[in-house]
Amino acid sequence: MNRFFSFVSGALLGAVVGATLALLLTPTSGDDLLARIEDRTSYIREEVRKAAASRRAELESQLADLRKPRQA
């Protein structure tokens, strides 16, 4: 169990250091980078919403089909 926590803490520390270095060493300004990140995040969020709505409609259709009385 101790090895697991060591691995997780090392992975988290590595992610924080990597993200910090990426932000510091990017060729664009911080405002430009932040705007790009926000745009990408909103795009991904919208795509997830569309996929969820599509999947929900599909599942509701399947549920309606299952609820129909069977004909002999």
N, C-alpha and C. Protein backbone atom coordinates (compact mmCIF):
# COMPACT_ATOMS: atom_id res chain seq x y z
N MET A 1 0.82 -1.18 0.00
CA MET A 1 0.00 0.00 0.00
C MET A 1 0.87 1.25 0.00
N ASN A 2 1.98 1.20 0.72
CA ASN A 2 2.87 2.35 0.79
C ASN A 2 3.46 2.66 -0.59
N ARG A 3 3.75 1.62 -1.36
CA ARG A 3 4.29 1.83 -2.70
C ARG A 3 3.28 2.53 -3.60
N PHE A 4 2.02 2.18 -3.42
CA PHE A 4 0.95 2.80 -4.21
C PHE A 4 0.88 4.29 -3.92
N PHE A 5 0.87 4.67 -2.65
CA PHE A 5 0.81 6.08 -2.29
C PHE A 5 2.06 6.83 -2.75
N SER A 6 3.20 6.17 -2.71
CA SER A 6 4.42 6.80 -3.22
C SER A 6 4.31 7.05 -4.72
N PHE A 7 3.75 6.08 -5.44
CA PHE A 7 3.58 6.23 -6.88
C PHE A 7 2.61 7.37 -7.18
N VAL A 8 1.47 7.40 -6.50
CA VAL A 8 0.46 8.43 -6.74
C VAL A 8 1.00 9.81 -6.41
N SER A 9 1.70 9.94 -5.28
CA SER A 9 2.24 11.25 -4.92
C SER A 9 3.32 11.67 -5.92
N GLY A 10 4.11 10.75 -6.40
CA GLY A 10 5.12 11.07 -7.41
C GLY A 10 4.48 11.48 -8.73
N ALA A 11 3.41 10.79 -9.11
CA ALA A 11 2.71 11.14 -10.34
C ALA A 11 2.08 12.53 -10.24
N LEU A 12 1.47 12.82 -9.11
CA LEU A 12 0.87 14.15 -8.92
C LEU A 12 1.92 15.25 -8.92
N LEU A 13 3.02 15.00 -8.25
CA LEU A 13 4.09 15.99 -8.22
C LEU A 13 4.65 16.20 -9.63
N GLY A 14 4.83 15.12 -10.36
CA GLY A 14 5.31 15.23 -11.74
C GLY A 14 4.35 16.00 -12.62
N ALA A 15 3.05 15.79 -12.42
CA ALA A 15 2.06 16.51 -13.21
C ALA A 15 2.09 18.00 -12.90
N VAL A 16 2.22 18.34 -11.65
CA VAL A 16 2.27 19.76 -11.25
C VAL A 16 3.53 20.41 -11.82
N VAL A 17 4.67 19.75 -11.69
CA VAL A 17 5.92 20.30 -12.22
C VAL A 17 5.85 20.43 -13.74
N GLY A 18 5.32 19.41 -14.40
CA GLY A 18 5.19 19.45 -15.86
C GLY A 18 4.27 20.56 -16.33
N ALA A 19 3.15 20.72 -15.66
CA ALA A 19 2.22 21.79 -16.03
C ALA A 19 2.84 23.16 -15.81
N THR A 20 3.54 23.31 -14.72
CA THR A 20 4.19 24.59 -14.43
C THR A 20 5.24 24.91 -15.48
N LEU A 21 6.06 23.94 -15.83
CA LEU A 21 7.08 24.16 -16.85
C LEU A 21 6.47 24.45 -18.21
N ALA A 22 5.40 23.76 -18.52
CA ALA A 22 4.72 24.00 -19.80
C ALA A 22 4.19 25.42 -19.87
N LEU A 23 3.62 25.90 -18.78
CA LEU A 23 3.11 27.27 -18.78
C LEU A 23 4.22 28.30 -18.85
N LEU A 24 5.34 28.01 -18.21
CA LEU A 24 6.45 28.97 -18.21
C LEU A 24 7.22 28.99 -19.53
N LEU A 25 7.26 27.89 -20.22
CA LEU A 25 8.11 27.79 -21.41
C LEU A 25 7.35 27.87 -22.73
N THR A 26 6.07 28.14 -22.69
CA THR A 26 5.31 28.24 -23.94
C THR A 26 5.67 29.52 -24.66
N PRO A 27 5.62 29.49 -25.99
CA PRO A 27 5.99 30.68 -26.75
C PRO A 27 4.91 31.76 -26.80
N THR A 28 3.71 31.47 -26.32
CA THR A 28 2.65 32.48 -26.33
C THR A 28 2.56 33.15 -24.96
N SER A 29 1.88 34.27 -24.94
CA SER A 29 1.73 34.98 -23.67
C SER A 29 0.73 34.25 -22.78
N GLY A 30 0.74 34.58 -21.53
CA GLY A 30 -0.16 33.94 -20.59
C GLY A 30 -1.62 34.18 -20.91
N ASP A 31 -1.94 35.41 -21.34
CA ASP A 31 -3.33 35.72 -21.67
C ASP A 31 -3.79 34.94 -22.90
N ASP A 32 -2.92 34.85 -23.90
CA ASP A 32 -3.25 34.08 -25.09
C ASP A 32 -3.42 32.60 -24.76
N LEU A 33 -2.52 32.10 -23.96
CA LEU A 33 -2.60 30.69 -23.57
C LEU A 33 -3.87 30.42 -22.76
N LEU A 34 -4.20 31.31 -21.85
CA LEU A 34 -5.40 31.15 -21.04
C LEU A 34 -6.65 31.19 -21.93
N ALA A 35 -6.67 32.08 -22.90
CA ALA A 35 -7.81 32.17 -23.81
C ALA A 35 -7.94 30.88 -24.63
N ARG A 36 -6.81 30.35 -25.09
CA ARG A 36 -6.84 29.10 -25.86
C ARG A 36 -7.33 27.94 -24.99
N ILE A 37 -6.88 27.90 -23.75
CA ILE A 37 -7.31 26.84 -22.84
C ILE A 37 -8.81 26.95 -22.58
N GLU A 38 -9.29 28.16 -22.36
CA GLU A 38 -10.73 28.36 -22.12
C GLU A 38 -11.55 27.98 -23.34
N ASP A 39 -11.08 28.35 -24.53
CA ASP A 39 -11.78 27.99 -25.76
C ASP A 39 -11.84 26.48 -25.93
N ARG A 40 -10.71 25.84 -25.71
CA ARG A 40 -10.66 24.38 -25.86
C ARG A 40 -11.54 23.69 -24.82
N THR A 41 -11.53 24.21 -23.61
CA THR A 41 -12.35 23.63 -22.55
C THR A 41 -13.83 23.78 -22.87
N SER A 42 -14.23 24.94 -23.34
CA SER A 42 -15.65 25.13 -23.67
C SER A 42 -16.05 24.27 -24.86
N TYR A 43 -15.14 24.09 -25.83
CA TYR A 43 -15.42 23.22 -26.97
C TYR A 43 -15.62 21.78 -26.50
N ILE A 44 -14.73 21.30 -25.65
CA ILE A 44 -14.83 19.93 -25.15
C ILE A 44 -16.11 19.77 -24.33
N ARG A 45 -16.41 20.76 -23.50
CA ARG A 45 -17.63 20.71 -22.67
C ARG A 45 -18.87 20.61 -23.56
N GLU A 46 -18.90 21.40 -24.63
CA GLU A 46 -20.06 21.38 -25.54
C GLU A 46 -20.16 20.04 -26.27
N GLU A 47 -19.03 19.49 -26.68
CA GLU A 47 -19.05 18.19 -27.34
C GLU A 47 -19.54 17.09 -26.40
N VAL A 48 -19.14 17.16 -25.15
CA VAL A 48 -19.60 16.18 -24.16
C VAL A 48 -21.10 16.32 -23.95
N ARG A 49 -21.60 17.55 -23.89
CA ARG A 49 -23.04 17.76 -23.75
C ARG A 49 -23.81 17.18 -24.94
N LYS A 50 -23.30 17.41 -26.14
CA LYS A 50 -23.96 16.88 -27.33
C LYS A 50 -23.96 15.35 -27.32
N ALA A 51 -22.82 14.76 -26.97
CA ALA A 51 -22.72 13.30 -26.92
C ALA A 51 -23.66 12.74 -25.86
N ALA A 52 -23.74 13.40 -24.71
CA ALA A 52 -24.62 12.94 -23.64
C ALA A 52 -26.09 13.03 -24.07
N ALA A 53 -26.45 14.11 -24.73
CA ALA A 53 -27.84 14.27 -25.18
C ALA A 53 -28.18 13.21 -26.23
N SER A 54 -27.25 12.96 -27.12
CA SER A 54 -27.47 11.94 -28.14
C SER A 54 -27.62 10.56 -27.51
N ARG A 55 -26.75 10.25 -26.59
CA ARG A 55 -26.81 8.94 -25.92
C ARG A 55 -28.08 8.82 -25.10
N ARG A 56 -28.48 9.90 -24.45
CA ARG A 56 -29.71 9.88 -23.65
C ARG A 56 -30.91 9.60 -24.54
N ALA A 57 -30.98 10.27 -25.69
CA ALA A 57 -32.09 10.05 -26.61
C ALA A 57 -32.10 8.60 -27.10
N GLU A 58 -30.93 8.07 -27.37
CA GLU A 58 -30.83 6.68 -27.82
C GLU A 58 -31.31 5.72 -26.73
N LEU A 59 -30.87 5.95 -25.50
CA LEU A 59 -31.28 5.08 -24.39
C LEU A 59 -32.77 5.21 -24.09
N GLU A 60 -33.32 6.42 -24.19
CA GLU A 60 -34.75 6.60 -23.96
C GLU A 60 -35.56 5.88 -25.03
N SER A 61 -35.08 5.90 -26.25
CA SER A 61 -35.74 5.17 -27.33
C SER A 61 -35.71 3.67 -27.07
N GLN A 62 -34.58 3.17 -26.63
CA GLN A 62 -34.47 1.75 -26.32
C GLN A 62 -35.39 1.39 -25.14
N LEU A 63 -35.46 2.25 -24.15
CA LEU A 63 -36.32 2.01 -23.01
C LEU A 63 -37.79 1.99 -23.43
N ALA A 64 -38.16 2.91 -24.30
CA ALA A 64 -39.55 2.94 -24.80
C ALA A 64 -39.86 1.65 -25.54
N ASP A 65 -38.91 1.16 -26.34
CA ASP A 65 -39.12 -0.10 -27.05
C ASP A 65 -39.28 -1.27 -26.08
N LEU A 66 -38.51 -1.25 -25.00
CA LEU A 66 -38.60 -2.33 -24.02
C LEU A 66 -39.91 -2.28 -23.24
N ARG A 67 -40.47 -1.11 -23.06
CA ARG A 67 -41.71 -0.96 -22.30
C ARG A 67 -42.95 -1.29 -23.12
N LYS A 68 -42.81 -1.38 -24.42
CA LYS A 68 -43.96 -1.71 -25.26
C LYS A 68 -44.42 -3.13 -24.93
N PRO A 69 -45.72 -3.33 -24.91
CA PRO A 69 -46.19 -4.71 -24.65
C PRO A 69 -45.81 -5.62 -25.82
N ARG A 70 -45.47 -6.82 -25.46
CA ARG A 70 -45.07 -7.80 -26.49
C ARG A 70 -46.32 -8.31 -27.20
N GLN A 71 -46.18 -8.49 -28.49
CA GLN A 71 -47.27 -9.04 -29.27
C GLN A 71 -46.95 -10.50 -29.57
N ALA A 72 -47.92 -11.34 -29.40
CA ALA A 72 -47.71 -12.77 -29.60
C ALA A 72 -47.87 -13.20 -31.02
